[in-house]
Amino acid sequence: MQSVIALTVAFLAAAVSATPYTATTTVQFTNDQSGRSANVPVALDGAKKSVATLLDNTPLDNNYSFLATSFFLQSNFQGVECDLYIDNYVVTITEQHTFAGFAPVSAPKDLVHAEIACFKY
């Protein structure tokens, strides 16, 4: 019985230590016209992710339309860069420049086809 318990504890310890950890940052997308916003975690792996997937079922989700006027780094952003790919443009935020609005000012952009990639530098 004791050997079964010891093996179980050893197995659980190995399983926990084998779980990969992916660092994340939190990005907030805001729509100044509606007053709605959503904080979403983004992995710091440099891979492009669908903004629509990240914003699905958040206050910015309006029948699979995701209107926003700006985005900014909300937490865990020391040494972080996030690039938002939208309408053939790249909008970048970093720990020194944590906020970016979309032009023209106050005109919400639909982020349904946008992608975001964040990484540590």
N, C-alpha and C. Protein backbone atom coordinates (compact mmCIF):
# COMPACT_ATOMS: atom_id res chain seq x y z
N MET A 1 0.82 -1.20 0.00
CA MET A 1 0.00 0.00 0.00
C MET A 1 0.87 1.26 0.00
N GLN A 2 1.92 1.25 0.84
CA GLN A 2 2.79 2.42 0.89
C GLN A 2 3.51 2.63 -0.43
N SER A 3 3.86 1.54 -1.11
CA SER A 3 4.55 1.69 -2.39
C SER A 3 3.61 2.27 -3.45
N VAL A 4 2.33 1.94 -3.39
CA VAL A 4 1.36 2.51 -4.32
C VAL A 4 1.23 4.01 -4.08
N ILE A 5 1.16 4.42 -2.84
CA ILE A 5 1.07 5.85 -2.50
C ILE A 5 2.33 6.56 -2.96
N ALA A 6 3.49 5.98 -2.71
CA ALA A 6 4.76 6.59 -3.11
C ALA A 6 4.83 6.74 -4.63
N LEU A 7 4.40 5.71 -5.37
CA LEU A 7 4.40 5.79 -6.83
C LEU A 7 3.42 6.85 -7.33
N THR A 8 2.27 6.94 -6.70
CA THR A 8 1.27 7.94 -7.08
C THR A 8 1.82 9.35 -6.86
N VAL A 9 2.43 9.59 -5.72
CA VAL A 9 3.01 10.90 -5.43
C VAL A 9 4.12 11.22 -6.42
N ALA A 10 4.98 10.26 -6.72
CA ALA A 10 6.07 10.47 -7.68
C ALA A 10 5.52 10.78 -9.07
N PHE A 11 4.48 10.06 -9.47
CA PHE A 11 3.86 10.30 -10.78
C PHE A 11 3.26 11.70 -10.86
N LEU A 12 2.53 12.11 -9.83
CA LEU A 12 1.92 13.44 -9.82
C LEU A 12 2.98 14.52 -9.83
N ALA A 13 4.06 14.34 -9.10
CA ALA A 13 5.14 15.33 -9.08
C ALA A 13 5.77 15.45 -10.46
N ALA A 14 5.97 14.34 -11.14
CA ALA A 14 6.54 14.36 -12.49
C ALA A 14 5.58 15.03 -13.47
N ALA A 15 4.30 14.77 -13.34
CA ALA A 15 3.31 15.37 -14.24
C ALA A 15 3.24 16.87 -14.06
N VAL A 16 3.29 17.35 -12.83
CA VAL A 16 3.23 18.79 -12.57
C VAL A 16 4.49 19.46 -13.09
N SER A 17 5.64 18.88 -12.88
CA SER A 17 6.89 19.50 -13.33
C SER A 17 7.01 19.46 -14.84
N ALA A 18 6.31 18.57 -15.52
CA ALA A 18 6.38 18.47 -16.97
C ALA A 18 5.41 19.41 -17.67
N THR A 19 4.52 20.05 -16.92
CA THR A 19 3.55 20.96 -17.51
C THR A 19 4.28 22.20 -18.04
N PRO A 20 4.18 22.47 -19.34
CA PRO A 20 4.88 23.64 -19.88
C PRO A 20 4.24 24.94 -19.40
N TYR A 21 5.07 25.93 -19.16
CA TYR A 21 4.59 27.24 -18.72
C TYR A 21 4.78 28.21 -19.87
N THR A 22 3.73 28.90 -20.24
CA THR A 22 3.81 29.92 -21.26
C THR A 22 3.53 31.27 -20.62
N ALA A 23 4.51 32.14 -20.66
CA ALA A 23 4.34 33.48 -20.10
C ALA A 23 3.33 34.25 -20.95
N THR A 24 2.55 35.10 -20.30
CA THR A 24 1.55 35.91 -21.00
C THR A 24 1.64 37.36 -20.54
N THR A 25 1.05 38.22 -21.34
CA THR A 25 0.80 39.60 -20.97
C THR A 25 -0.70 39.83 -21.13
N THR A 26 -1.21 40.87 -20.51
CA THR A 26 -2.63 41.19 -20.66
C THR A 26 -2.77 42.45 -21.50
N VAL A 27 -3.57 42.35 -22.55
CA VAL A 27 -3.83 43.47 -23.45
C VAL A 27 -5.30 43.84 -23.30
N GLN A 28 -5.57 45.15 -23.20
CA GLN A 28 -6.96 45.61 -23.15
C GLN A 28 -7.31 46.27 -24.47
N PHE A 29 -8.43 45.83 -25.04
CA PHE A 29 -9.01 46.47 -26.22
C PHE A 29 -10.20 47.29 -25.73
N THR A 30 -10.31 48.53 -26.22
CA THR A 30 -11.34 49.45 -25.74
C THR A 30 -12.09 50.08 -26.90
N ASN A 31 -13.40 50.26 -26.71
CA ASN A 31 -14.22 51.01 -27.64
C ASN A 31 -14.71 52.24 -26.89
N ASP A 32 -14.11 53.40 -27.17
CA ASP A 32 -14.47 54.63 -26.46
C ASP A 32 -15.89 55.08 -26.76
N GLN A 33 -16.44 54.71 -27.91
CA GLN A 33 -17.82 55.10 -28.24
C GLN A 33 -18.83 54.35 -27.39
N SER A 34 -18.63 53.06 -27.21
CA SER A 34 -19.59 52.26 -26.45
C SER A 34 -19.25 52.20 -24.97
N GLY A 35 -18.00 52.51 -24.63
CA GLY A 35 -17.55 52.40 -23.24
C GLY A 35 -17.19 50.98 -22.85
N ARG A 36 -17.19 50.08 -23.80
CA ARG A 36 -16.87 48.68 -23.50
C ARG A 36 -15.38 48.41 -23.69
N SER A 37 -14.89 47.44 -22.92
CA SER A 37 -13.50 47.03 -23.06
C SER A 37 -13.38 45.56 -22.67
N ALA A 38 -12.26 44.98 -23.03
CA ALA A 38 -12.00 43.57 -22.69
C ALA A 38 -10.51 43.38 -22.47
N ASN A 39 -10.17 42.75 -21.36
CA ASN A 39 -8.79 42.37 -21.08
C ASN A 39 -8.61 40.93 -21.53
N VAL A 40 -7.57 40.68 -22.32
CA VAL A 40 -7.32 39.33 -22.80
C VAL A 40 -5.85 38.96 -22.59
N PRO A 41 -5.60 37.72 -22.15
CA PRO A 41 -4.22 37.27 -22.03
C PRO A 41 -3.68 36.88 -23.41
N VAL A 42 -2.44 37.27 -23.68
CA VAL A 42 -1.79 36.92 -24.94
C VAL A 42 -0.44 36.28 -24.61
N ALA A 43 -0.20 35.10 -25.16
CA ALA A 43 1.06 34.40 -24.91
C ALA A 43 2.23 35.19 -25.50
N LEU A 44 3.34 35.17 -24.78
CA LEU A 44 4.55 35.87 -25.22
C LEU A 44 5.44 34.94 -26.06
N ASP A 45 4.84 34.31 -27.06
CA ASP A 45 5.57 33.35 -27.88
C ASP A 45 5.87 33.86 -29.28
N GLY A 46 5.43 35.10 -29.61
CA GLY A 46 5.70 35.68 -30.91
C GLY A 46 4.81 35.18 -32.03
N ALA A 47 3.93 34.25 -31.74
CA ALA A 47 3.04 33.70 -32.77
C ALA A 47 1.81 34.58 -32.94
N LYS A 48 1.39 34.78 -34.19
CA LYS A 48 0.18 35.56 -34.45
C LYS A 48 -1.05 34.79 -33.98
N LYS A 49 -1.94 35.53 -33.31
CA LYS A 49 -3.20 34.96 -32.83
C LYS A 49 -4.36 35.79 -33.35
N SER A 50 -5.46 35.16 -33.61
CA SER A 50 -6.66 35.84 -34.07
C SER A 50 -7.23 36.69 -32.93
N VAL A 51 -7.38 37.98 -33.18
CA VAL A 51 -7.98 38.86 -32.17
C VAL A 51 -9.44 38.48 -31.96
N ALA A 52 -10.13 38.08 -33.02
CA ALA A 52 -11.53 37.66 -32.89
C ALA A 52 -11.65 36.48 -31.93
N THR A 53 -10.74 35.54 -32.01
CA THR A 53 -10.76 34.39 -31.10
C THR A 53 -10.53 34.84 -29.66
N LEU A 54 -9.60 35.77 -29.46
CA LEU A 54 -9.31 36.27 -28.11
C LEU A 54 -10.49 37.05 -27.54
N LEU A 55 -11.20 37.80 -28.41
CA LEU A 55 -12.30 38.66 -27.94
C LEU A 55 -13.67 37.98 -27.98
N ASP A 56 -13.72 36.74 -28.44
CA ASP A 56 -14.99 36.01 -28.49
C ASP A 56 -15.60 35.91 -27.09
N ASN A 57 -16.89 36.20 -26.99
CA ASN A 57 -17.64 36.16 -25.72
C ASN A 57 -17.14 37.16 -24.67
N THR A 58 -16.62 38.29 -25.12
CA THR A 58 -16.25 39.38 -24.22
C THR A 58 -17.24 40.53 -24.46
N PRO A 59 -17.18 41.60 -23.65
CA PRO A 59 -18.07 42.73 -23.88
C PRO A 59 -17.92 43.38 -25.27
N LEU A 60 -16.79 43.16 -25.95
CA LEU A 60 -16.60 43.74 -27.28
C LEU A 60 -17.19 42.86 -28.39
N ASP A 61 -17.65 41.68 -28.06
CA ASP A 61 -18.23 40.76 -29.04
C ASP A 61 -19.67 41.16 -29.31
N ASN A 62 -19.94 41.64 -30.54
CA ASN A 62 -21.28 42.04 -30.93
C ASN A 62 -21.63 41.28 -32.21
N ASN A 63 -22.17 40.07 -32.05
CA ASN A 63 -22.50 39.21 -33.20
C ASN A 63 -21.29 38.99 -34.10
N TYR A 64 -20.16 38.64 -33.50
CA TYR A 64 -18.90 38.38 -34.16
C TYR A 64 -18.36 39.60 -34.90
N SER A 65 -18.63 40.77 -34.36
CA SER A 65 -18.01 42.02 -34.77
C SER A 65 -17.32 42.55 -33.52
N PHE A 66 -16.08 43.00 -33.65
CA PHE A 66 -15.28 43.39 -32.49
C PHE A 66 -14.76 44.81 -32.70
N LEU A 67 -15.60 45.80 -32.41
CA LEU A 67 -15.24 47.19 -32.65
C LEU A 67 -14.42 47.74 -31.49
N ALA A 68 -13.27 48.34 -31.83
CA ALA A 68 -12.40 48.94 -30.81
C ALA A 68 -11.78 50.21 -31.37
N THR A 69 -11.46 51.13 -30.46
CA THR A 69 -10.80 52.38 -30.85
C THR A 69 -9.34 52.41 -30.42
N SER A 70 -8.94 51.50 -29.51
CA SER A 70 -7.56 51.49 -29.04
C SER A 70 -7.24 50.17 -28.35
N PHE A 71 -5.95 50.00 -28.07
CA PHE A 71 -5.52 48.86 -27.26
C PHE A 71 -4.29 49.27 -26.48
N PHE A 72 -4.09 48.62 -25.33
CA PHE A 72 -2.90 48.93 -24.53
C PHE A 72 -2.50 47.75 -23.66
N LEU A 73 -1.24 47.79 -23.23
CA LEU A 73 -0.72 46.75 -22.34
C LEU A 73 -1.25 47.00 -20.95
N GLN A 74 -1.90 46.02 -20.39
CA GLN A 74 -2.56 46.15 -19.09
C GLN A 74 -1.70 45.63 -17.94
N SER A 75 -1.04 44.48 -18.12
CA SER A 75 -0.23 43.93 -17.03
C SER A 75 0.86 43.02 -17.58
N ASN A 76 1.88 42.80 -16.75
CA ASN A 76 3.03 41.96 -17.09
C ASN A 76 3.63 42.35 -18.43
N PHE A 77 4.04 43.62 -18.55
CA PHE A 77 4.54 44.08 -19.84
C PHE A 77 5.98 44.58 -19.82
N GLN A 78 6.73 44.28 -18.77
CA GLN A 78 8.13 44.68 -18.76
C GLN A 78 8.90 43.89 -19.81
N GLY A 79 9.54 44.61 -20.73
CA GLY A 79 10.29 43.97 -21.81
C GLY A 79 9.43 43.30 -22.85
N VAL A 80 8.18 43.77 -23.01
CA VAL A 80 7.23 43.13 -23.92
C VAL A 80 6.92 44.05 -25.10
N GLU A 81 6.76 43.44 -26.27
CA GLU A 81 6.25 44.13 -27.45
C GLU A 81 5.08 43.34 -28.00
N CYS A 82 4.01 44.05 -28.36
CA CYS A 82 2.87 43.43 -29.03
C CYS A 82 2.63 44.15 -30.34
N ASP A 83 2.48 43.39 -31.40
CA ASP A 83 2.21 43.94 -32.73
C ASP A 83 0.82 43.51 -33.15
N LEU A 84 -0.01 44.51 -33.49
CA LEU A 84 -1.37 44.26 -33.96
C LEU A 84 -1.37 44.43 -35.48
N TYR A 85 -1.74 43.38 -36.19
CA TYR A 85 -1.79 43.39 -37.64
C TYR A 85 -3.23 43.62 -38.06
N ILE A 86 -3.47 44.81 -38.67
CA ILE A 86 -4.83 45.19 -39.04
C ILE A 86 -4.80 46.03 -40.31
N ASP A 87 -5.61 45.67 -41.28
CA ASP A 87 -5.75 46.44 -42.52
C ASP A 87 -4.40 46.77 -43.16
N ASN A 88 -3.54 45.80 -43.32
CA ASN A 88 -2.22 45.98 -43.93
C ASN A 88 -1.29 46.92 -43.16
N TYR A 89 -1.59 47.17 -41.91
CA TYR A 89 -0.75 47.98 -41.03
C TYR A 89 -0.32 47.14 -39.84
N VAL A 90 0.76 47.56 -39.22
CA VAL A 90 1.19 46.97 -37.96
C VAL A 90 1.22 48.09 -36.93
N VAL A 91 0.46 47.92 -35.86
CA VAL A 91 0.44 48.89 -34.76
C VAL A 91 1.15 48.23 -33.59
N THR A 92 2.17 48.90 -33.06
CA THR A 92 3.02 48.31 -32.03
C THR A 92 2.86 49.03 -30.70
N ILE A 93 2.80 48.24 -29.62
CA ILE A 93 2.85 48.78 -28.27
C ILE A 93 3.98 48.07 -27.52
N THR A 94 4.63 48.80 -26.63
CA THR A 94 5.74 48.27 -25.85
C THR A 94 5.64 48.79 -24.42
N GLU A 95 6.60 48.41 -23.58
CA GLU A 95 6.59 48.91 -22.21
C GLU A 95 6.82 50.43 -22.18
N GLN A 96 7.49 51.00 -23.18
CA GLN A 96 7.68 52.45 -23.23
C GLN A 96 6.51 53.17 -23.89
N HIS A 97 5.81 52.50 -24.76
CA HIS A 97 4.67 53.07 -25.49
C HIS A 97 3.51 52.08 -25.33
N THR A 98 2.82 52.16 -24.19
CA THR A 98 1.86 51.12 -23.81
C THR A 98 0.48 51.27 -24.45
N PHE A 99 0.22 52.39 -25.12
CA PHE A 99 -1.12 52.67 -25.66
C PHE A 99 -1.02 53.01 -27.14
N ALA A 100 -2.01 52.56 -27.91
CA ALA A 100 -2.13 52.96 -29.31
C ALA A 100 -3.60 53.06 -29.67
N GLY A 101 -3.96 54.20 -30.28
CA GLY A 101 -5.31 54.38 -30.78
C GLY A 101 -5.34 54.15 -32.28
N PHE A 102 -6.52 53.90 -32.80
CA PHE A 102 -6.67 53.65 -34.23
C PHE A 102 -7.14 54.92 -34.92
N ALA A 103 -6.58 55.21 -36.10
CA ALA A 103 -6.96 56.39 -36.86
C ALA A 103 -8.10 56.01 -37.81
N PRO A 104 -8.99 56.91 -38.15
CA PRO A 104 -9.13 58.22 -37.53
C PRO A 104 -9.64 58.11 -36.09
N VAL A 105 -9.29 59.08 -35.29
CA VAL A 105 -9.64 59.08 -33.87
C VAL A 105 -11.15 58.94 -33.71
N SER A 106 -11.55 58.15 -32.76
CA SER A 106 -12.95 57.90 -32.40
C SER A 106 -13.72 57.08 -33.42
N ALA A 107 -13.06 56.61 -34.46
CA ALA A 107 -13.73 55.74 -35.42
C ALA A 107 -13.35 54.30 -35.11
N PRO A 108 -14.26 53.53 -34.53
CA PRO A 108 -13.92 52.15 -34.17
C PRO A 108 -13.55 51.30 -35.38
N LYS A 109 -12.58 50.43 -35.18
CA LYS A 109 -12.17 49.47 -36.20
C LYS A 109 -12.73 48.11 -35.82
N ASP A 110 -13.19 47.37 -36.81
CA ASP A 110 -13.62 45.99 -36.56
C ASP A 110 -12.38 45.11 -36.61
N LEU A 111 -12.09 44.45 -35.51
CA LEU A 111 -10.89 43.63 -35.39
C LEU A 111 -11.13 42.17 -35.76
N VAL A 112 -12.21 41.88 -36.46
CA VAL A 112 -12.56 40.49 -36.77
C VAL A 112 -11.46 39.78 -37.56
N HIS A 113 -10.71 40.50 -38.39
CA HIS A 113 -9.65 39.88 -39.18
C HIS A 113 -8.25 40.25 -38.68
N ALA A 114 -8.18 40.96 -37.58
CA ALA A 114 -6.88 41.38 -37.03
C ALA A 114 -6.18 40.22 -36.33
N GLU A 115 -4.86 40.33 -36.26
CA GLU A 115 -4.05 39.35 -35.53
C GLU A 115 -3.11 40.10 -34.61
N ILE A 116 -2.71 39.45 -33.52
CA ILE A 116 -1.79 40.05 -32.57
C ILE A 116 -0.69 39.05 -32.24
N ALA A 117 0.53 39.56 -32.10
CA ALA A 117 1.67 38.73 -31.69
C ALA A 117 2.42 39.50 -30.62
N CYS A 118 2.71 38.84 -29.51
CA CYS A 118 3.45 39.46 -28.41
C CYS A 118 4.67 38.62 -28.08
N PHE A 119 5.75 39.30 -27.67
CA PHE A 119 6.98 38.60 -27.31
C PHE A 119 7.80 39.44 -26.35
N LYS A 120 8.72 38.78 -25.65
CA LYS A 120 9.68 39.47 -24.79
C LYS A 120 10.86 39.87 -25.65
N TYR A 121 11.41 41.06 -25.40
CA TYR A 121 12.62 41.47 -26.13
C TYR A 121 13.76 41.70 -25.19
